[in-house]
Amino acid sequence: KVVTISMAKVIVRKGREEDASQATQLLKDAFIATFLGVRDNKDEDVMGYVNTSLKVELIQQELKNESECYLVCEEEESKQIVGVARLVFGAREEAITIEKSKNPVELNRIYCKQGYKGQRIGTKLLERCIEEG
């Protein structure tokens, strides 16, 4: 799956363990940009989540976990990751599970690198999530 975005070609593919460092940094940056300083969010809570839940080691474990699927959108030439999505298979949270669903899938994360918003990165990730789910 290749699409031209502002003269750069990107590809959406399954994440690999070696993507953990780039993916973690993108997740941290996007989470902070989205939630830090927002009305009911305490800065210490946002940073506490970032510092405990978005660690390279944890993302590496998630990348290896067969009940999860990371998808990354990377620039073909530079190999820079510009978007990340995470699916969790077999999710059983009440708010997201249809009662009769035998194989529920949760879209747990979807983030785009700052500077790439509005360039269909999220759309491409979401389309691939639907295919994988």
N, C-alpha and C. Protein backbone atom coordinates (compact mmCIF):
# COMPACT_ATOMS: atom_id res chain seq x y z
N LYS A 1 0.84 -1.18 0.00
CA LYS A 1 0.00 0.00 0.00
C LYS A 1 0.88 1.23 0.00
N VAL A 2 0.98 1.90 -1.11
CA VAL A 2 1.80 3.10 -1.23
C VAL A 2 0.91 4.25 -1.68
N VAL A 3 1.09 5.40 -1.04
CA VAL A 3 0.32 6.58 -1.41
C VAL A 3 1.28 7.76 -1.43
N THR A 4 1.10 8.69 -2.35
CA THR A 4 1.95 9.87 -2.40
C THR A 4 1.38 10.94 -1.49
N ILE A 5 2.22 11.42 -0.59
CA ILE A 5 1.80 12.47 0.34
C ILE A 5 2.87 13.56 0.31
N SER A 6 2.51 14.72 -0.14
CA SER A 6 3.44 15.84 -0.21
C SER A 6 4.79 15.42 -0.77
N MET A 7 4.76 14.78 -1.91
CA MET A 7 5.96 14.37 -2.62
C MET A 7 6.68 13.18 -1.98
N ALA A 8 6.25 12.73 -0.83
CA ALA A 8 6.89 11.58 -0.19
C ALA A 8 5.97 10.38 -0.30
N LYS A 9 6.54 9.22 -0.54
CA LYS A 9 5.74 8.00 -0.58
C LYS A 9 5.79 7.36 0.79
N VAL A 10 4.63 6.86 1.23
CA VAL A 10 4.56 6.19 2.52
C VAL A 10 4.00 4.79 2.32
N ILE A 11 4.33 3.93 3.26
CA ILE A 11 3.82 2.57 3.24
C ILE A 11 3.27 2.25 4.62
N VAL A 12 2.16 1.54 4.66
CA VAL A 12 1.60 1.07 5.92
C VAL A 12 1.92 -0.42 6.00
N ARG A 13 2.56 -0.81 7.08
CA ARG A 13 2.97 -2.20 7.26
C ARG A 13 2.84 -2.59 8.73
N LYS A 14 2.95 -3.88 8.99
CA LYS A 14 2.94 -4.35 10.37
C LYS A 14 4.22 -3.90 11.06
N GLY A 15 4.06 -3.52 12.32
CA GLY A 15 5.21 -3.09 13.10
C GLY A 15 6.11 -4.26 13.44
N ARG A 16 7.39 -3.95 13.60
CA ARG A 16 8.40 -4.95 13.97
C ARG A 16 9.08 -4.48 15.25
N GLU A 17 9.72 -5.41 15.92
CA GLU A 17 10.38 -5.09 17.19
C GLU A 17 11.37 -3.93 17.04
N GLU A 18 12.05 -3.88 15.91
CA GLU A 18 13.04 -2.81 15.71
C GLU A 18 12.39 -1.44 15.51
N ASP A 19 11.07 -1.38 15.39
CA ASP A 19 10.35 -0.11 15.27
C ASP A 19 10.06 0.52 16.63
N ALA A 20 10.35 -0.19 17.70
CA ALA A 20 9.92 0.24 19.04
C ALA A 20 10.40 1.64 19.41
N SER A 21 11.63 1.95 19.15
CA SER A 21 12.17 3.25 19.55
C SER A 21 11.48 4.40 18.82
N GLN A 22 11.39 4.32 17.50
CA GLN A 22 10.70 5.38 16.73
C GLN A 22 9.23 5.46 17.09
N ALA A 23 8.59 4.31 17.21
CA ALA A 23 7.15 4.29 17.52
C ALA A 23 6.90 4.89 18.90
N THR A 24 7.74 4.54 19.87
CA THR A 24 7.58 5.07 21.23
C THR A 24 7.70 6.59 21.24
N GLN A 25 8.69 7.12 20.53
CA GLN A 25 8.87 8.57 20.50
C GLN A 25 7.67 9.25 19.85
N LEU A 26 7.16 8.68 18.76
CA LEU A 26 5.98 9.25 18.11
C LEU A 26 4.79 9.22 19.06
N LEU A 27 4.59 8.09 19.74
CA LEU A 27 3.47 7.97 20.68
C LEU A 27 3.59 9.00 21.80
N LYS A 28 4.77 9.16 22.36
CA LYS A 28 4.98 10.14 23.43
C LYS A 28 4.67 11.55 22.94
N ASP A 29 5.27 11.92 21.82
CA ASP A 29 5.07 13.28 21.29
C ASP A 29 3.60 13.55 20.99
N ALA A 30 2.94 12.60 20.36
CA ALA A 30 1.53 12.79 19.99
C ALA A 30 0.64 12.84 21.23
N PHE A 31 0.91 11.97 22.22
CA PHE A 31 0.10 11.95 23.44
C PHE A 31 0.24 13.28 24.19
N ILE A 32 1.48 13.75 24.32
CA ILE A 32 1.72 15.02 25.01
C ILE A 32 1.04 16.17 24.27
N ALA A 33 1.18 16.22 22.95
CA ALA A 33 0.56 17.29 22.17
C ALA A 33 -0.96 17.26 22.27
N THR A 34 -1.53 16.06 22.42
CA THR A 34 -2.98 15.91 22.47
C THR A 34 -3.56 16.22 23.84
N PHE A 35 -2.87 15.79 24.91
CA PHE A 35 -3.48 15.83 26.24
C PHE A 35 -2.86 16.81 27.23
N LEU A 36 -1.63 17.22 27.06
CA LEU A 36 -0.99 18.13 28.02
C LEU A 36 -1.60 19.52 27.90
N GLY A 37 -2.00 20.08 29.02
CA GLY A 37 -2.57 21.42 29.03
C GLY A 37 -4.02 21.49 28.61
N VAL A 38 -4.65 20.34 28.39
CA VAL A 38 -6.06 20.31 28.01
C VAL A 38 -6.89 20.39 29.29
N ARG A 39 -7.98 21.05 29.20
CA ARG A 39 -8.85 21.42 30.31
C ARG A 39 -8.80 20.49 31.52
N ASP A 40 -9.37 19.37 31.54
CA ASP A 40 -9.47 18.57 32.76
C ASP A 40 -8.30 17.61 33.00
N ASN A 41 -7.28 17.70 32.18
CA ASN A 41 -6.11 16.84 32.36
C ASN A 41 -5.07 17.54 33.21
N LYS A 42 -4.64 16.87 34.27
CA LYS A 42 -3.55 17.42 35.08
C LYS A 42 -2.24 17.06 34.39
N ASP A 43 -1.35 18.04 34.29
CA ASP A 43 -0.08 17.82 33.62
C ASP A 43 0.68 16.65 34.22
N GLU A 44 0.66 16.52 35.55
CA GLU A 44 1.39 15.43 36.20
C GLU A 44 0.79 14.06 35.86
N ASP A 45 -0.52 14.01 35.63
CA ASP A 45 -1.16 12.75 35.22
C ASP A 45 -0.76 12.37 33.80
N VAL A 46 -0.75 13.36 32.92
CA VAL A 46 -0.36 13.12 31.52
C VAL A 46 1.08 12.63 31.47
N MET A 47 1.96 13.33 32.15
CA MET A 47 3.38 12.96 32.12
C MET A 47 3.62 11.65 32.86
N GLY A 48 2.83 11.38 33.89
CA GLY A 48 2.93 10.09 34.59
C GLY A 48 2.60 8.94 33.65
N TYR A 49 1.55 9.10 32.85
CA TYR A 49 1.18 8.07 31.89
C TYR A 49 2.29 7.89 30.84
N VAL A 50 2.78 8.99 30.32
CA VAL A 50 3.83 8.94 29.30
C VAL A 50 5.06 8.22 29.84
N ASN A 51 5.46 8.55 31.07
CA ASN A 51 6.68 7.99 31.64
C ASN A 51 6.54 6.55 32.13
N THR A 52 5.32 6.08 32.34
CA THR A 52 5.15 4.70 32.81
C THR A 52 4.62 3.77 31.72
N SER A 53 3.75 4.27 30.85
CA SER A 53 3.09 3.40 29.87
C SER A 53 3.68 3.47 28.47
N LEU A 54 4.46 4.48 28.20
CA LEU A 54 5.03 4.63 26.86
C LEU A 54 6.56 4.53 26.92
N LYS A 55 7.01 3.35 27.28
CA LYS A 55 8.44 3.07 27.37
C LYS A 55 8.81 2.13 26.22
N VAL A 56 10.02 2.27 25.72
CA VAL A 56 10.49 1.43 24.60
C VAL A 56 10.33 -0.04 24.94
N GLU A 57 10.69 -0.44 26.16
CA GLU A 57 10.62 -1.86 26.54
C GLU A 57 9.18 -2.38 26.49
N LEU A 58 8.24 -1.56 26.91
CA LEU A 58 6.83 -1.97 26.88
C LEU A 58 6.31 -2.07 25.45
N ILE A 59 6.69 -1.12 24.62
CA ILE A 59 6.26 -1.14 23.23
C ILE A 59 6.88 -2.35 22.52
N GLN A 60 8.13 -2.69 22.84
CA GLN A 60 8.76 -3.89 22.28
C GLN A 60 7.97 -5.14 22.64
N GLN A 61 7.54 -5.23 23.89
CA GLN A 61 6.73 -6.38 24.32
C GLN A 61 5.42 -6.43 23.56
N GLU A 62 4.78 -5.28 23.41
CA GLU A 62 3.51 -5.23 22.68
C GLU A 62 3.71 -5.63 21.21
N LEU A 63 4.82 -5.23 20.62
CA LEU A 63 5.10 -5.59 19.23
C LEU A 63 5.27 -7.09 19.05
N LYS A 64 5.74 -7.78 20.09
CA LYS A 64 5.94 -9.23 20.03
C LYS A 64 4.69 -10.01 20.39
N ASN A 65 3.74 -9.37 21.05
CA ASN A 65 2.54 -10.04 21.54
C ASN A 65 1.62 -10.42 20.38
N GLU A 66 1.29 -11.69 20.28
CA GLU A 66 0.46 -12.17 19.17
C GLU A 66 -0.99 -11.73 19.26
N SER A 67 -1.44 -11.28 20.43
CA SER A 67 -2.82 -10.82 20.55
C SER A 67 -2.93 -9.32 20.26
N GLU A 68 -1.84 -8.73 19.78
CA GLU A 68 -1.83 -7.32 19.42
C GLU A 68 -1.22 -7.17 18.03
N CYS A 69 -1.57 -6.09 17.37
CA CYS A 69 -1.00 -5.81 16.06
C CYS A 69 -0.71 -4.33 15.98
N TYR A 70 0.56 -3.99 15.83
CA TYR A 70 0.94 -2.61 15.57
C TYR A 70 1.05 -2.43 14.07
N LEU A 71 0.55 -1.33 13.59
CA LEU A 71 0.71 -0.94 12.19
C LEU A 71 1.47 0.38 12.19
N VAL A 72 2.45 0.49 11.32
CA VAL A 72 3.20 1.73 11.22
C VAL A 72 3.08 2.26 9.81
N CYS A 73 3.07 3.56 9.71
CA CYS A 73 3.09 4.24 8.43
C CYS A 73 4.46 4.91 8.37
N GLU A 74 5.26 4.50 7.38
CA GLU A 74 6.60 5.07 7.29
C GLU A 74 6.85 5.65 5.91
N GLU A 75 7.69 6.68 5.89
CA GLU A 75 8.13 7.22 4.62
C GLU A 75 9.01 6.16 3.98
N GLU A 76 8.73 5.86 2.73
CA GLU A 76 9.44 4.80 2.04
C GLU A 76 10.94 5.08 1.94
N GLU A 77 11.28 6.28 1.60
CA GLU A 77 12.70 6.60 1.37
C GLU A 77 13.48 6.73 2.67
N SER A 78 12.98 7.52 3.62
CA SER A 78 13.73 7.80 4.85
C SER A 78 13.53 6.74 5.93
N LYS A 79 12.48 5.93 5.79
CA LYS A 79 12.11 4.91 6.79
C LYS A 79 11.66 5.55 8.11
N GLN A 80 11.33 6.82 8.07
CA GLN A 80 10.84 7.52 9.26
C GLN A 80 9.39 7.13 9.50
N ILE A 81 9.07 6.73 10.72
CA ILE A 81 7.69 6.38 11.08
C ILE A 81 6.92 7.67 11.33
N VAL A 82 5.79 7.83 10.60
CA VAL A 82 5.00 9.05 10.69
C VAL A 82 3.59 8.79 11.22
N GLY A 83 3.26 7.53 11.48
CA GLY A 83 1.97 7.18 12.05
C GLY A 83 2.02 5.80 12.67
N VAL A 84 1.20 5.60 13.70
CA VAL A 84 1.17 4.33 14.42
C VAL A 84 -0.27 4.02 14.82
N ALA A 85 -0.64 2.75 14.68
CA ALA A 85 -1.94 2.28 15.18
C ALA A 85 -1.70 0.96 15.91
N ARG A 86 -2.53 0.67 16.90
CA ARG A 86 -2.42 -0.57 17.66
C ARG A 86 -3.78 -1.22 17.78
N LEU A 87 -3.87 -2.47 17.36
CA LEU A 87 -5.08 -3.27 17.51
C LEU A 87 -4.86 -4.29 18.61
N VAL A 88 -5.89 -4.53 19.40
CA VAL A 88 -5.85 -5.57 20.43
C VAL A 88 -6.95 -6.58 20.09
N PHE A 89 -6.54 -7.82 19.83
CA PHE A 89 -7.48 -8.88 19.46
C PHE A 89 -8.02 -9.55 20.73
N GLY A 90 -9.30 -9.89 20.71
CA GLY A 90 -9.91 -10.55 21.85
C GLY A 90 -10.25 -9.61 22.99
N ALA A 91 -10.33 -8.31 22.72
CA ALA A 91 -10.67 -7.32 23.74
C ALA A 91 -12.04 -7.65 24.33
N ARG A 92 -12.17 -7.50 25.61
CA ARG A 92 -13.43 -7.84 26.27
C ARG A 92 -14.00 -6.71 27.12
N GLU A 93 -13.61 -5.49 26.82
CA GLU A 93 -14.15 -4.36 27.57
C GLU A 93 -15.60 -4.12 27.16
N GLU A 94 -16.46 -3.93 28.15
CA GLU A 94 -17.90 -3.79 27.89
C GLU A 94 -18.23 -2.72 26.86
N ALA A 95 -17.59 -1.59 26.94
CA ALA A 95 -17.94 -0.47 26.08
C ALA A 95 -17.60 -0.72 24.61
N ILE A 96 -16.72 -1.67 24.34
CA ILE A 96 -16.31 -1.88 22.95
C ILE A 96 -16.68 -3.24 22.40
N THR A 97 -17.23 -4.10 23.22
CA THR A 97 -17.52 -5.46 22.79
C THR A 97 -18.99 -5.63 22.47
N ILE A 98 -19.27 -6.12 21.28
CA ILE A 98 -20.64 -6.46 20.90
C ILE A 98 -20.92 -7.82 21.53
N GLU A 99 -22.05 -7.93 22.19
CA GLU A 99 -22.38 -9.12 22.98
C GLU A 99 -22.11 -10.43 22.23
N LYS A 100 -22.49 -10.52 20.97
CA LYS A 100 -22.37 -11.78 20.24
C LYS A 100 -21.05 -11.93 19.49
N SER A 101 -20.19 -10.94 19.61
CA SER A 101 -18.92 -10.98 18.88
C SER A 101 -18.02 -12.06 19.43
N LYS A 102 -17.56 -12.93 18.55
CA LYS A 102 -16.67 -14.02 18.96
C LYS A 102 -15.22 -13.60 18.95
N ASN A 103 -14.88 -12.67 18.09
CA ASN A 103 -13.49 -12.23 17.94
C ASN A 103 -13.40 -10.70 17.93
N PRO A 104 -13.67 -10.07 19.06
CA PRO A 104 -13.63 -8.61 19.08
C PRO A 104 -12.22 -8.07 18.87
N VAL A 105 -12.14 -6.91 18.24
CA VAL A 105 -10.87 -6.23 18.01
C VAL A 105 -11.04 -4.78 18.46
N GLU A 106 -10.11 -4.32 19.27
CA GLU A 106 -10.14 -2.94 19.76
C GLU A 106 -9.06 -2.13 19.05
N LEU A 107 -9.42 -0.98 18.52
CA LEU A 107 -8.43 -0.02 18.03
C LEU A 107 -8.00 0.76 19.27
N ASN A 108 -6.85 0.40 19.79
CA ASN A 108 -6.39 0.93 21.08
C ASN A 108 -5.64 2.25 20.93
N ARG A 109 -4.90 2.41 19.84
CA ARG A 109 -4.15 3.65 19.61
C ARG A 109 -4.13 3.94 18.11
N ILE A 110 -4.17 5.22 17.79
CA ILE A 110 -3.90 5.67 16.43
C ILE A 110 -3.39 7.10 16.53
N TYR A 111 -2.15 7.29 16.12
CA TYR A 111 -1.51 8.60 16.23
C TYR A 111 -0.73 8.90 14.96
N CYS A 112 -0.63 10.19 14.68
CA CYS A 112 0.10 10.69 13.51
C CYS A 112 1.14 11.68 14.01
N LYS A 113 2.29 11.66 13.39
CA LYS A 113 3.37 12.57 13.76
C LYS A 113 2.96 14.01 13.44
N GLN A 114 3.32 14.93 14.34
CA GLN A 114 3.05 16.34 14.10
C GLN A 114 3.68 16.73 12.77
N GLY A 115 3.01 17.56 12.02
CA GLY A 115 3.52 17.97 10.72
C GLY A 115 2.98 17.11 9.58
N TYR A 116 2.34 15.98 9.93
CA TYR A 116 1.78 15.10 8.91
C TYR A 116 0.25 15.05 8.99
N LYS A 117 -0.31 15.78 9.92
CA LYS A 117 -1.77 15.81 10.04
C LYS A 117 -2.36 16.43 8.79
N GLY A 118 -3.52 15.91 8.39
CA GLY A 118 -4.18 16.41 7.20
C GLY A 118 -3.64 15.81 5.91
N GLN A 119 -2.76 14.83 6.04
CA GLN A 119 -2.16 14.22 4.86
C GLN A 119 -2.57 12.77 4.69
N ARG A 120 -3.69 12.40 5.30
CA ARG A 120 -4.32 11.07 5.13
C ARG A 120 -3.55 9.91 5.77
N ILE A 121 -2.62 10.22 6.67
CA ILE A 121 -1.89 9.17 7.37
C ILE A 121 -2.87 8.35 8.22
N GLY A 122 -3.70 9.03 8.99
CA GLY A 122 -4.69 8.35 9.83
C GLY A 122 -5.67 7.54 9.01
N THR A 123 -6.08 8.06 7.88
CA THR A 123 -7.00 7.34 7.00
C THR A 123 -6.38 6.04 6.51
N LYS A 124 -5.13 6.12 6.08
CA LYS A 124 -4.44 4.92 5.59
C LYS A 124 -4.26 3.90 6.70
N LEU A 125 -3.92 4.37 7.90
CA LEU A 125 -3.79 3.46 9.04
C LEU A 125 -5.13 2.80 9.36
N LEU A 126 -6.19 3.61 9.38
CA LEU A 126 -7.51 3.07 9.70
C LEU A 126 -7.97 2.07 8.65
N GLU A 127 -7.73 2.34 7.39
CA GLU A 127 -8.09 1.38 6.34
C GLU A 127 -7.37 0.05 6.55
N ARG A 128 -6.10 0.11 6.90
CA ARG A 128 -5.33 -1.11 7.14
C ARG A 128 -5.82 -1.81 8.42
N CYS A 129 -6.19 -1.04 9.44
CA CYS A 129 -6.75 -1.63 10.66
C CYS A 129 -8.00 -2.45 10.34
N ILE A 130 -8.84 -1.92 9.48
CA ILE A 130 -10.06 -2.63 9.08
C ILE A 130 -9.69 -3.93 8.37
N GLU A 131 -8.70 -3.90 7.51
CA GLU A 131 -8.26 -5.12 6.83
C GLU A 131 -7.72 -6.15 7.82
N GLU A 132 -6.93 -5.70 8.78
CA GLU A 132 -6.32 -6.62 9.75
C GLU A 132 -7.35 -7.17 10.73
N GLY A 133 -8.34 -6.33 11.06
CA GLY A 133 -9.34 -6.74 12.05
C GLY A 133 -10.30 -7.73 11.48
